[in-house]
Protein backbone atom coordinates (compact mmCIF):
# COMPACT_ATOMS: atom_id res chain seq x y z
CA MET A 1 0.05 -0.15 0.12
CA GLN A 2 1.30 3.32 -1.10
CA LEU A 3 1.22 5.92 1.96
CA ASP A 4 0.79 8.78 -0.58
CA GLU A 5 -2.36 7.05 -2.50
CA LYS A 6 -6.10 7.23 -1.67
CA TRP A 7 -8.14 4.20 -0.05
CA VAL A 8 -11.98 3.68 0.20
CA VAL A 9 -13.04 2.27 3.52
CA ARG A 10 -16.37 0.02 2.84
CA ILE A 11 -18.73 -1.05 5.35
CA HIS A 12 -20.22 -4.11 4.58
CA ASP A 13 -23.80 -5.57 5.81
CA ASP A 14 -23.66 -8.70 7.75
CA ASN A 15 -26.23 -11.20 9.81
CA VAL A 16 -24.47 -9.94 12.74
CA ASN A 17 -24.92 -6.62 13.55
CA SER A 18 -28.38 -4.66 13.96
CA HIS A 19 -29.04 -1.79 12.13
CA ALA A 20 -29.19 0.43 15.31
CA GLY A 21 -25.83 -0.93 15.93
CA VAL A 22 -24.19 -0.05 12.84
CA ALA A 23 -25.72 3.68 13.28
CA LEU A 24 -24.33 3.72 16.50
CA VAL A 25 -20.74 3.01 15.70
CA LEU A 26 -21.12 5.19 12.87
CA ALA A 27 -22.54 8.35 14.89
CA GLU A 28 -19.51 7.55 17.31
CA LEU A 29 -16.68 7.20 14.41
CA LEU A 30 -17.65 9.95 12.29
CA GLU A 31 -19.36 11.90 14.73
CA LEU A 32 -22.52 12.23 12.68
CA PRO A 33 -26.19 13.30 13.81
CA ALA A 34 -28.36 10.41 14.66
CA GLU A 35 -30.66 10.57 11.56
CA ASP A 36 -27.48 10.85 9.28
CA SER A 37 -25.86 8.06 10.98
CA TRP A 38 -29.24 6.10 10.88
CA ALA A 39 -29.78 6.99 7.14
CA ALA A 40 -26.04 5.44 6.55
CA ALA A 41 -26.71 2.58 8.04
CA GLU A 42 -30.08 1.97 5.97
CA ARG A 43 -27.66 2.35 2.69
CA VAL A 44 -25.49 -0.27 4.28
CA HIS A 45 -28.73 -2.35 5.07
CA THR A 46 -30.08 -2.18 1.48
CA THR A 47 -27.20 -1.76 -1.05
CA GLY A 48 -25.07 -4.47 0.88
CA SER A 49 -22.14 -2.14 1.66
CA VAL A 50 -21.50 1.37 1.60
CA ALA A 51 -18.12 2.85 0.06
CA LEU A 52 -16.84 6.28 2.34
CA ASP A 53 -15.12 9.09 0.82
CA PRO A 54 -11.17 8.22 0.18
CA LEU A 55 -8.69 8.92 2.58
CA PRO A 56 -5.05 8.67 2.40
CA ALA A 57 -3.65 5.26 3.28
CA GLY A 58 -2.68 5.75 7.07
CA PRO A 59 -6.13 7.03 7.82
CA ALA A 60 -8.16 4.56 5.89
CA GLU A 61 -6.28 1.82 7.72
CA ASP A 62 -7.02 3.29 11.06
CA PHE A 63 -10.35 3.88 10.46
CA ALA A 64 -11.07 0.07 8.49
CA ALA A 65 -9.60 -0.69 12.31
CA ALA A 66 -11.72 0.92 14.39
CA LEU A 67 -15.03 -0.39 12.48
CA GLN A 68 -13.56 -3.90 12.79
CA VAL A 69 -12.70 -3.64 16.71
CA ARG A 70 -16.31 -2.36 16.79
CA GLY A 71 -17.62 -5.46 15.00
CA LEU A 72 -18.41 -4.18 11.54
CA HIS A 73 -17.16 -5.67 8.60
CA ALA A 74 -15.04 -3.44 6.62
CA THR A 75 -12.39 -3.42 3.86
CA LEU A 76 -10.23 -1.42 2.23
CA GLU A 77 -9.80 -0.99 -1.83
CA PRO A 78 -8.42 1.50 -3.91
CA ALA A 79 -10.11 4.97 -4.71
CA PRO A 80 -11.10 4.76 -8.21
């Protein structure tokens, strides 16, 4: 992974986390208002996954790890 490259964190729907649980994690980590985190959780649930805005490699890895520590299924992919 090149440090100057941009990477996308993708949050995946799973059979473990509730809709409310995903919304809570997103509100906590992204400091989103409740209605925005609920809407993001809804997008994850209805589309199967959501790609967040591209980040530099280090912050993208850190954010994906923070999501995973909280039990969400998150992966990294190169930004288009």
